[in-house]
């Protein structure tokens, strides 16, 4: 595919053209059909499944191997947090899977930090999509029309998807930005793993399923997106055509359950409903902007004792239509910082941060279009976390006091092959200087 692009950049079955479908930098002379990727809405998972399946067929045809299938990078497994050796050895132009445009250390075997690759927050959620106002969902906010940046990302897109992108790419690498990410060959195994995790989420049952057929969600099923097939011809695909990867797309993962296992399909909406009795939402906010750097930072989310007690009561009622949401509003940065930040709720003083504890709520990722960041001023994004289960656990343990909650941020970098927790802990020189990140405010509210 790379050779095809060297002969003709406009060849739709070539590497460059296929990467451009996902995104291409400003000023890069985009071709028809480019810059089409869907992010920050419930189209994210379905669009990327379509993209993967068409790319796989092109690559299968180009390879001459009718049994070829894209591999997935299961970075959540303890021994797999370095980029697979095939993508970094040899580290030169003789290896078509190698890319220099990655974070410092990643091609030498540096490891993703364990919190960056956890998917526990996403898997706790049972609603695929979310209507405006409910905010937190597995798959993203329901939109009637697709469009870049119009909705809110689902939890799986935020983590591990966004976090892995930013840490593999670093400050200036291809993987850190939507408009260059698909130029790096590791993009494809990364997205194959996200697609696999979608299937594993469905396997859990408990109300997990595809979007319903309400007016808010019908677009997920019927809207079509343009791709090309292995012959270079236009192919249009819809959500209706990608829900069964075996029968419709011809692939399965090695950890898929037996074919007779079923998941809930369309019929009733999976979007979270708002509880009528919570129209007057409980809400607390931080006072001043927060600056994040290498050192831990904590901020109080000011809230009356009465409202803090209401949150405890709501959490222990286990109302499935009620979410307690921690929102980070106005996250601004000039460029991808090449790090991630673990976010904790009410981490006790003197307690070491542990992403496996009930105080941990998720990680910040910094995966945006390059044109939204360092080329045209600071990028500004929001992120939100469902902390209902965390509040419930603290309440059950007697740890939820009627005082304003505290939110803490702990920076994590790539871990060098030797094993120190942060690259910054190694010697005096930093491999990844911290880019200034600010947060306009932190909000905790019911939704």
Protein backbone atom coordinates (compact mmCIF):
# COMPACT_ATOMS: atom_id res chain seq x y z
CA UNK A 1 0.00 0.00 0.00
CA UNK A 2 2.90 2.34 0.73
CA UNK A 3 4.44 1.54 -2.66
CA UNK A 4 1.13 2.32 -4.35
CA UNK A 5 1.11 5.76 -2.75
CA UNK A 6 4.65 6.46 -3.89
CA UNK A 7 3.53 5.78 -7.46
CA UNK A 8 0.25 7.70 -7.19
CA UNK A 9 -0.78 9.61 -4.09
CA UNK A 10 -4.36 9.67 -5.37
CA UNK A 11 -4.67 5.86 -5.52
CA UNK A 12 -7.60 5.21 -3.13
CA UNK A 13 -6.15 1.80 -2.21
CA UNK A 14 -2.79 3.32 -1.27
CA UNK A 15 -1.50 4.03 2.21
CA UNK A 16 -1.61 7.83 1.96
CA UNK A 17 -5.15 7.95 0.64
CA UNK A 18 -6.41 5.57 3.33
CA UNK A 19 -4.71 7.59 6.08
CA UNK A 20 -6.25 10.77 4.66
CA UNK A 21 -9.76 9.35 5.05
CA UNK A 22 -9.22 9.59 8.79
CA UNK A 23 -7.53 12.97 8.66
CA UNK A 24 -4.96 15.13 6.90
CA UNK A 25 -3.18 18.25 8.19
CA UNK A 26 -4.27 21.74 7.24
CA UNK A 27 -2.47 22.87 4.11
CA UNK A 28 -1.77 19.29 3.05
CA UNK A 29 -3.87 19.42 -0.12
CA UNK A 30 -6.63 17.06 0.99
CA UNK A 31 -8.26 14.81 -1.59
CA UNK A 32 -11.99 13.99 -1.94
CA UNK A 33 -13.23 11.85 0.94
CA UNK A 34 -10.50 12.91 3.35
CA UNK A 35 -10.87 14.27 6.90
CA UNK A 36 -13.97 12.18 7.47
CA UNK A 37 -13.26 10.59 10.87
CA UNK A 38 -15.99 10.67 13.49
CA UNK A 39 -15.08 11.52 17.07
CA UNK A 40 -16.86 12.87 20.14
CA UNK A 41 -20.23 11.30 19.40
CA UNK A 42 -21.94 7.92 19.22
CA UNK A 43 -20.73 7.56 15.60
CA UNK A 44 -17.15 7.04 16.82
CA UNK A 45 -17.23 3.26 17.25
CA UNK A 46 -19.35 2.44 14.20
CA UNK A 47 -17.39 4.72 11.82
CA UNK A 48 -14.04 3.28 12.90
CA UNK A 49 -15.36 -0.28 12.55
CA UNK A 50 -16.35 0.51 8.97
CA UNK A 51 -12.95 2.11 8.35
CA UNK A 52 -11.06 -0.87 9.80
CA UNK A 53 -13.05 -3.42 7.83
CA UNK A 54 -12.47 -1.66 4.49
CA UNK A 55 -8.78 -1.09 5.21
CA UNK A 56 -8.37 -4.74 6.15
CA UNK A 57 -9.91 -5.87 2.85
CA UNK A 58 -7.63 -3.56 0.86
CA UNK A 59 -4.58 -4.81 2.73
CA UNK A 60 -5.68 -8.42 2.34
CA UNK A 61 -5.96 -7.95 -1.42
CA UNK A 62 -2.66 -6.07 -1.64
CA UNK A 63 -0.85 -8.76 0.35
CA UNK A 64 -2.14 -11.58 -1.82
CA UNK A 65 -2.98 -13.50 1.36
CA UNK A 66 -6.73 -14.34 1.46
CA UNK A 67 -6.41 -15.28 5.14
CA UNK A 68 -4.82 -12.03 6.29
CA UNK A 69 -6.53 -10.23 9.18
CA UNK A 70 -5.54 -7.12 11.11
CA UNK A 71 -4.02 -7.93 14.49
CA UNK A 72 -5.00 -6.06 17.64
CA UNK A 73 -2.65 -4.60 20.24
CA UNK A 74 -3.93 -5.75 23.64
CA UNK A 75 -2.00 -3.17 25.67
CA UNK A 76 -4.17 -3.75 28.75
CA UNK A 77 -2.38 -7.07 29.33
CA UNK A 78 0.55 -6.56 31.70
CA UNK A 79 3.18 -7.88 29.29
CA UNK A 80 1.94 -5.94 26.25
CA UNK A 81 2.31 -2.30 27.25
CA UNK A 82 5.24 -1.67 24.90
CA UNK A 83 4.59 -1.24 21.19
CA UNK A 84 4.99 -4.69 19.59
CA UNK A 85 8.53 -5.26 18.40
CA UNK A 86 7.46 -5.61 14.75
CA UNK A 87 6.49 -1.91 14.76
CA UNK A 88 9.84 -0.66 16.10
CA UNK A 89 12.52 -3.20 15.08
CA UNK A 90 14.42 -2.54 12.94
CA UNK A 91 14.07 1.16 13.57
CA UNK A 92 14.76 2.36 10.07
CA UNK A 93 13.20 2.81 6.63
CA UNK A 94 13.57 -0.88 5.82
CA UNK A 95 10.68 -1.57 8.22
CA UNK A 96 7.34 -0.36 6.76
CA UNK A 97 5.75 -0.60 10.23
CA UNK A 98 8.28 1.73 11.86
CA UNK A 99 7.63 5.45 12.34
CA UNK A 100 10.03 7.99 13.79
CA UNK A 101 7.13 10.32 14.56
CA UNK A 102 6.40 8.84 17.99
CA UNK A 103 7.01 9.83 21.60
CA UNK A 104 10.58 9.77 22.87
CA UNK A 105 11.33 6.30 24.20
CA UNK A 106 8.38 4.52 22.63
CA UNK A 107 10.48 2.99 19.85
CA UNK A 108 13.02 1.84 22.43
CA UNK A 109 10.43 -0.23 24.29
CA UNK A 110 9.06 2.28 26.82
CA UNK A 111 5.85 1.09 28.47
CA UNK A 112 2.47 2.76 28.69
CA UNK A 113 1.60 3.36 32.36
CA UNK A 114 -0.99 0.86 33.62
CA UNK A 115 -3.65 3.48 34.33
CA UNK A 116 -3.46 4.67 30.70
CA UNK A 117 -4.71 1.34 29.35
CA UNK A 118 -7.44 0.46 31.83
CA UNK A 119 -11.01 0.32 30.52
CA UNK A 120 -12.80 -0.27 33.81
CA UNK A 121 -14.58 3.11 33.82
CA UNK A 122 -16.05 2.46 30.38
CA UNK A 123 -17.11 -1.09 31.19
CA UNK A 124 -19.05 -0.02 34.30
CA UNK A 125 -21.43 1.98 32.11
CA UNK A 126 -24.46 0.21 30.64
CA UNK A 127 -25.81 2.95 28.33
CA UNK A 128 -24.27 3.00 24.85
CA UNK A 129 -25.34 6.53 24.05
CA UNK A 130 -26.39 9.62 25.94
CA UNK A 131 -28.88 12.34 25.21
CA UNK A 132 -27.78 15.92 25.84
CA UNK A 133 -27.78 16.45 29.60
CA UNK A 134 -26.88 12.90 30.60
CA UNK A 135 -23.31 13.46 29.38
CA UNK A 136 -21.57 10.21 30.33
CA UNK A 137 -21.97 7.05 28.24
CA UNK A 138 -19.98 4.15 26.84
CA UNK A 139 -20.27 5.09 23.16
CA UNK A 140 -20.89 8.85 23.03
CA UNK A 141 -23.59 11.47 22.74
CA UNK A 142 -26.42 10.74 20.30
CA UNK A 143 -26.51 13.11 17.32
CA UNK A 144 -29.02 13.33 14.48
CA UNK A 145 -26.28 14.43 12.08
CA UNK A 146 -22.56 13.63 12.24
CA UNK A 147 -20.00 16.38 12.51
CA UNK A 148 -16.59 16.96 14.10
CA UNK A 149 -16.64 18.05 17.72
CA UNK A 150 -20.41 18.44 17.88
CA UNK A 151 -21.09 16.04 20.75
CA UNK A 152 -19.48 14.44 23.77
CA UNK A 153 -17.15 11.49 23.54
CA UNK A 154 -18.05 8.15 25.07
CA UNK A 155 -15.95 6.73 27.88
CA UNK A 156 -14.21 4.11 25.71
CA UNK A 157 -13.17 6.85 23.30
CA UNK A 158 -11.77 8.90 26.16
CA UNK A 159 -9.96 5.98 27.74
CA UNK A 160 -8.06 4.01 26.68
CA UNK A 161 -8.47 5.32 23.10
CA UNK A 162 -7.51 8.98 23.51
CA UNK A 163 -4.95 8.36 26.23
CA UNK A 164 -3.07 5.73 24.21
CA UNK A 165 -3.08 7.98 21.14
CA UNK A 166 -1.51 10.86 23.06
CA UNK A 167 1.11 8.81 24.86
CA UNK A 168 2.27 6.90 21.78
CA UNK A 169 2.50 10.09 19.73
CA UNK A 170 3.96 12.33 22.41
CA UNK A 171 4.02 16.06 21.81
CA UNK A 172 4.51 16.05 18.05
CA UNK A 173 4.08 12.48 16.81
CA UNK A 174 1.51 11.34 14.29
CA UNK A 175 -0.63 9.40 16.78
CA UNK A 176 -1.27 12.48 18.92
CA UNK A 177 -3.49 14.24 16.40
CA UNK A 178 -6.57 13.14 14.47
CA UNK A 179 -5.27 14.57 11.22
CA UNK A 180 -2.04 12.51 11.22
CA UNK A 181 -2.82 9.48 13.39
CA UNK A 182 -3.58 6.97 10.62
CA UNK A 183 -0.18 7.57 9.01
CA UNK A 184 1.41 5.58 11.85
CA UNK A 185 0.99 1.83 11.28
CA UNK A 186 0.34 1.27 15.00
CA UNK A 187 -2.95 3.16 14.53
CA UNK A 188 -4.57 0.05 13.05
CA UNK A 189 -3.79 -2.48 15.83
CA UNK A 190 -4.75 0.19 18.36
CA UNK A 191 -8.16 0.67 16.76
CA UNK A 192 -8.64 -3.06 16.28
CA UNK A 193 -8.27 -3.36 20.05
CA UNK A 194 -10.82 -0.61 20.66
CA UNK A 195 -13.20 -2.45 18.33
CA UNK A 196 -12.55 -5.68 20.26
CA UNK A 197 -13.24 -3.94 23.59
CA UNK A 198 -16.59 -2.79 22.21
CA UNK A 199 -17.48 -6.44 21.63
CA UNK A 200 -16.29 -7.44 25.10
CA UNK A 201 -18.45 -4.68 26.62
CA UNK A 202 -21.50 -6.06 24.81
CA UNK A 203 -20.71 -9.56 26.11
CA UNK A 204 -21.24 -8.40 29.69
CA UNK A 205 -24.99 -7.97 29.14
CA UNK A 206 -26.82 -6.17 31.93
CA UNK A 207 -28.61 -3.84 29.51
CA UNK A 208 -25.56 -3.16 27.35
CA UNK A 209 -26.43 -3.00 23.68
CA UNK A 210 -26.49 -0.93 20.52
CA UNK A 211 -28.39 2.37 20.26
CA UNK A 212 -32.17 2.14 20.13
CA UNK A 213 -34.57 3.36 17.45
CA UNK A 214 -35.71 6.59 19.04
CA UNK A 215 -35.65 9.81 17.03
CA UNK A 216 -32.45 10.79 18.83
CA UNK A 217 -30.68 7.53 17.98
CA UNK A 218 -32.06 6.42 14.62
CA UNK A 219 -29.27 8.22 12.74
CA UNK A 220 -26.74 5.71 14.13
CA UNK A 221 -28.46 2.98 12.11
CA UNK A 222 -29.40 4.71 8.85
CA UNK A 223 -26.81 7.41 8.05
CA UNK A 224 -24.19 6.30 5.53
CA UNK A 225 -20.46 7.03 5.38
CA UNK A 226 -18.21 6.80 2.32
CA UNK A 227 -15.21 4.47 2.02
CA UNK A 228 -13.51 2.58 -0.82
CA UNK A 229 -13.23 -1.13 -1.47
CA UNK A 230 -10.21 -3.19 -2.53
CA UNK A 231 -10.85 -2.20 -6.16
CA UNK A 232 -10.85 1.50 -5.36
CA UNK A 233 -14.61 1.85 -5.87
CA UNK A 234 -16.86 3.92 -3.62
CA UNK A 235 -18.61 1.96 -0.85
CA UNK A 236 -21.27 3.41 1.45
CA UNK A 237 -21.84 1.82 4.84
CA UNK A 238 -24.36 2.30 7.65
CA UNK A 239 -24.67 1.16 11.25
CA UNK A 240 -27.16 -1.47 10.11
CA UNK A 241 -24.32 -3.23 8.31
CA UNK A 242 -21.71 -3.52 11.05
CA UNK A 243 -23.37 -4.94 14.18
CA UNK A 244 -22.48 -8.57 13.39
CA UNK A 245 -18.78 -8.71 12.59
CA UNK A 246 -18.88 -12.39 11.62
CA UNK A 247 -21.88 -12.49 9.28
CA UNK A 248 -21.66 -8.95 7.91
CA UNK A 249 -17.94 -8.18 7.94
CA UNK A 250 -16.29 -11.60 7.98
CA UNK A 251 -14.10 -11.36 11.07
CA UNK A 252 -14.04 -12.33 14.73
CA UNK A 253 -11.59 -11.95 17.60
CA UNK A 254 -9.84 -14.85 19.26
CA UNK A 255 -11.61 -14.10 22.58
CA UNK A 256 -15.11 -13.77 21.06
CA UNK A 257 -17.65 -15.99 22.83
CA UNK A 258 -19.28 -18.90 20.96
CA UNK A 259 -21.50 -17.79 18.04
CA UNK A 260 -24.73 -18.62 19.89
CA UNK A 261 -24.09 -15.94 22.51
CA UNK A 262 -26.42 -12.97 21.98
CA UNK A 263 -26.55 -9.31 22.90
CA UNK A 264 -29.48 -6.93 22.96
CA UNK A 265 -30.01 -5.36 19.54
CA UNK A 266 -32.13 -2.38 18.60
CA UNK A 267 -35.57 -1.95 20.04
CA UNK A 268 -35.46 0.01 23.26
CA UNK A 269 -33.21 2.97 23.69
CA UNK A 270 -29.90 2.53 25.44
CA UNK A 271 -29.54 6.25 26.09
CA UNK A 272 -29.62 7.18 29.75
CA UNK A 273 -32.93 8.75 30.79
CA UNK A 274 -33.12 11.73 33.12
CA UNK A 275 -34.97 11.27 36.36
CA UNK A 276 -37.87 13.77 36.59
CA UNK A 277 -37.37 14.27 40.32
CA UNK A 278 -33.80 15.51 39.68
CA UNK A 279 -34.72 18.47 37.51
CA UNK A 280 -33.05 20.76 40.09
CA UNK A 281 -29.60 19.14 39.90
CA UNK A 282 -27.13 19.12 42.76
CA UNK A 283 -24.06 21.03 41.66
CA UNK A 284 -20.70 22.17 43.00
CA UNK A 285 -17.80 23.95 41.28
CA UNK A 286 -14.18 24.87 41.87
CA UNK A 287 -13.39 28.56 42.21
CA UNK A 288 -10.26 29.29 40.18
CA UNK A 289 -8.59 27.79 37.07
CA UNK A 290 -6.24 24.88 37.74
CA UNK A 291 -2.76 24.60 36.22
CA UNK A 292 -1.40 21.08 35.77
CA UNK A 293 2.30 20.25 35.63
CA UNK A 294 4.65 17.56 36.86
CA UNK A 295 3.64 17.82 40.53
CA UNK A 296 0.36 16.51 42.00
CA UNK A 297 -2.44 19.09 42.16
CA UNK A 298 -5.64 19.02 44.22
CA UNK A 299 -8.68 21.31 44.10
CA UNK A 300 -11.83 21.63 46.21
CA UNK A 301 -15.19 21.48 44.47
CA UNK A 302 -17.19 23.80 46.66
CA UNK A 303 -20.53 22.37 47.68
CA UNK A 304 -22.81 22.80 50.66
CA UNK A 305 -22.85 20.01 53.28
CA UNK A 306 -26.52 19.43 52.39
CA UNK A 307 -25.71 18.83 48.73
CA UNK A 308 -22.81 16.52 49.59
CA UNK A 309 -25.24 14.50 51.71
CA UNK A 310 -27.73 14.39 48.82
CA UNK A 311 -25.04 12.88 46.58
CA UNK A 312 -24.41 10.17 49.16
CA UNK A 313 -28.12 9.40 49.34
CA UNK A 314 -28.55 9.27 45.58
CA UNK A 315 -25.52 7.01 45.14
CA UNK A 316 -26.73 4.49 47.70
CA UNK A 317 -30.21 4.33 46.12
CA UNK A 318 -28.58 2.84 43.01
CA UNK A 319 -30.97 4.65 40.65
CA UNK A 320 -29.81 3.57 37.19
CA UNK A 321 -31.23 6.73 35.62
CA UNK A 322 -29.15 8.93 37.94
CA UNK A 323 -25.51 9.72 37.34
CA UNK A 324 -23.17 11.71 39.53
CA UNK A 325 -20.83 13.33 37.04
CA UNK A 326 -17.40 14.86 37.59
CA UNK A 327 -16.76 17.29 34.72
CA UNK A 328 -13.52 19.01 33.76
CA UNK A 329 -14.54 22.03 31.75
CA UNK A 330 -12.29 24.12 29.52
CA UNK A 331 -9.19 21.90 29.45
CA UNK A 332 -6.72 24.04 27.47
CA UNK A 333 -3.27 23.18 26.07
CA UNK A 334 -1.09 24.55 23.28
CA UNK A 335 -0.07 21.09 22.06
CA UNK A 336 -0.38 17.50 23.17
CA UNK A 337 1.63 17.34 26.42
CA UNK A 338 2.73 13.75 25.76
CA UNK A 339 1.65 12.70 29.27
CA UNK A 340 -1.57 11.69 30.96
CA UNK A 341 -3.10 12.67 34.29
CA UNK A 342 -4.81 10.25 36.65
CA UNK A 343 -7.89 11.82 38.25
CA UNK A 344 -8.87 10.96 41.83
CA UNK A 345 -11.92 11.86 43.92
CA UNK A 346 -11.32 12.44 47.65
CA UNK A 347 -7.90 10.78 47.69
CA UNK A 348 -6.98 10.91 51.41
CA UNK A 349 -3.93 12.91 52.46
CA UNK A 350 -0.88 10.69 52.65
CA UNK A 351 -2.49 7.90 50.60
CA UNK A 352 -0.38 6.96 47.55
CA UNK A 353 -2.36 7.31 44.32
CA UNK A 354 -3.43 3.89 43.02
CA UNK A 355 -5.42 3.54 39.80
CA UNK A 356 -6.90 0.29 41.15
CA UNK A 357 -8.42 2.03 44.18
CA UNK A 358 -11.99 3.29 44.47
CA UNK A 359 -10.67 6.88 44.58
CA UNK A 360 -9.47 6.67 40.97
CA UNK A 361 -12.03 7.85 38.38
CA UNK A 362 -10.09 7.92 35.09
CA UNK A 363 -7.36 9.58 33.06
CA UNK A 364 -7.09 12.76 31.02
CA UNK A 365 -6.25 12.26 27.34
CA UNK A 366 -5.19 14.92 24.84
CA UNK A 367 -6.10 13.60 21.39
CA UNK A 368 -7.37 16.42 19.14
CA UNK A 369 -7.09 17.66 15.58
CA UNK A 370 -3.78 19.45 15.12
CA UNK A 371 -5.67 22.39 13.64
CA UNK A 372 -7.58 22.69 16.93
CA UNK A 373 -4.35 22.93 18.88
CA UNK A 374 -0.86 24.22 18.29
CA UNK A 375 -1.43 25.61 14.78
CA UNK A 376 -4.37 27.84 15.66
CA UNK A 377 -4.06 28.60 19.36
CA UNK A 378 -4.80 26.45 22.40
CA UNK A 379 -7.03 23.42 22.12
CA UNK A 380 -9.97 23.52 24.53
CA UNK A 381 -11.89 20.37 25.39
CA UNK A 382 -14.13 19.03 28.15
CA UNK A 383 -14.07 15.63 29.81
CA UNK A 384 -16.57 14.02 32.16
CA UNK A 385 -16.55 10.94 34.39
CA UNK A 386 -19.39 8.99 35.96
CA UNK A 387 -18.43 8.85 39.65
CA UNK A 388 -21.67 7.36 40.98
CA UNK A 389 -20.06 4.04 41.90
CA UNK A 390 -17.13 5.81 43.55
CA UNK A 391 -19.41 7.91 45.76
CA UNK A 392 -21.41 4.77 46.62
CA UNK A 393 -18.30 2.86 47.66
CA UNK A 394 -17.04 5.74 49.80
CA UNK A 395 -20.46 6.07 51.43
CA UNK A 396 -20.59 2.35 52.21
CA UNK A 397 -17.11 2.55 53.77
CA UNK A 398 -17.96 5.65 55.80
CA UNK A 399 -15.46 7.74 53.79
CA UNK A 400 -17.92 10.22 52.25
CA UNK A 401 -17.94 13.12 54.69
CA UNK A 402 -20.34 16.05 54.35
CA UNK A 403 -17.60 18.43 53.20
CA UNK A 404 -16.68 19.75 49.78
CA UNK A 405 -15.20 16.98 47.61
CA UNK A 406 -11.56 17.11 46.53
CA UNK A 407 -10.29 16.24 43.05
CA UNK A 408 -6.61 15.39 42.53
CA UNK A 409 -4.48 15.13 39.38
CA UNK A 410 -1.37 12.93 39.17
CA UNK A 411 0.85 13.10 36.09
CA UNK A 412 2.03 9.86 34.48
CA UNK A 413 4.58 9.46 31.70
CA UNK A 414 5.88 6.56 29.68
CA UNK A 415 7.74 4.04 31.80
CA UNK A 416 11.25 3.28 30.53
CA UNK A 417 12.07 -0.36 29.86
CA UNK A 418 14.04 -0.43 33.13
CA UNK A 419 10.82 0.07 35.07
CA UNK A 420 10.82 3.40 36.95
CA UNK A 421 7.24 4.58 37.36
CA UNK A 422 7.72 7.89 35.57
CA UNK A 423 10.24 8.93 32.95
CA UNK A 424 10.70 12.13 35.02
CA UNK A 425 12.10 10.05 37.87
CA UNK A 426 15.05 9.00 35.72
CA UNK A 427 18.19 11.12 36.10
CA UNK A 428 17.99 14.90 35.91
CA UNK A 429 16.93 15.47 32.34
CA UNK A 430 13.30 15.14 31.31
CA UNK A 431 12.60 13.22 28.13
CA UNK A 432 9.18 14.86 27.82
CA UNK A 433 9.00 18.49 29.03
CA UNK A 434 5.58 19.19 30.49
CA UNK A 435 3.35 21.35 28.31
CA UNK A 436 1.18 23.71 30.31
CA UNK A 437 -2.35 22.36 30.78
CA UNK A 438 -5.07 24.41 32.45
CA UNK A 439 -8.62 23.55 33.50
CA UNK A 440 -11.15 26.35 33.74
CA UNK A 441 -13.19 24.63 36.40
CA UNK A 442 -14.13 21.29 37.94
CA UNK A 443 -17.84 20.56 38.39
CA UNK A 444 -19.61 17.75 40.26
CA UNK A 445 -23.31 17.49 39.52
CA UNK A 446 -26.19 15.07 39.08
CA UNK A 447 -27.39 14.29 35.58
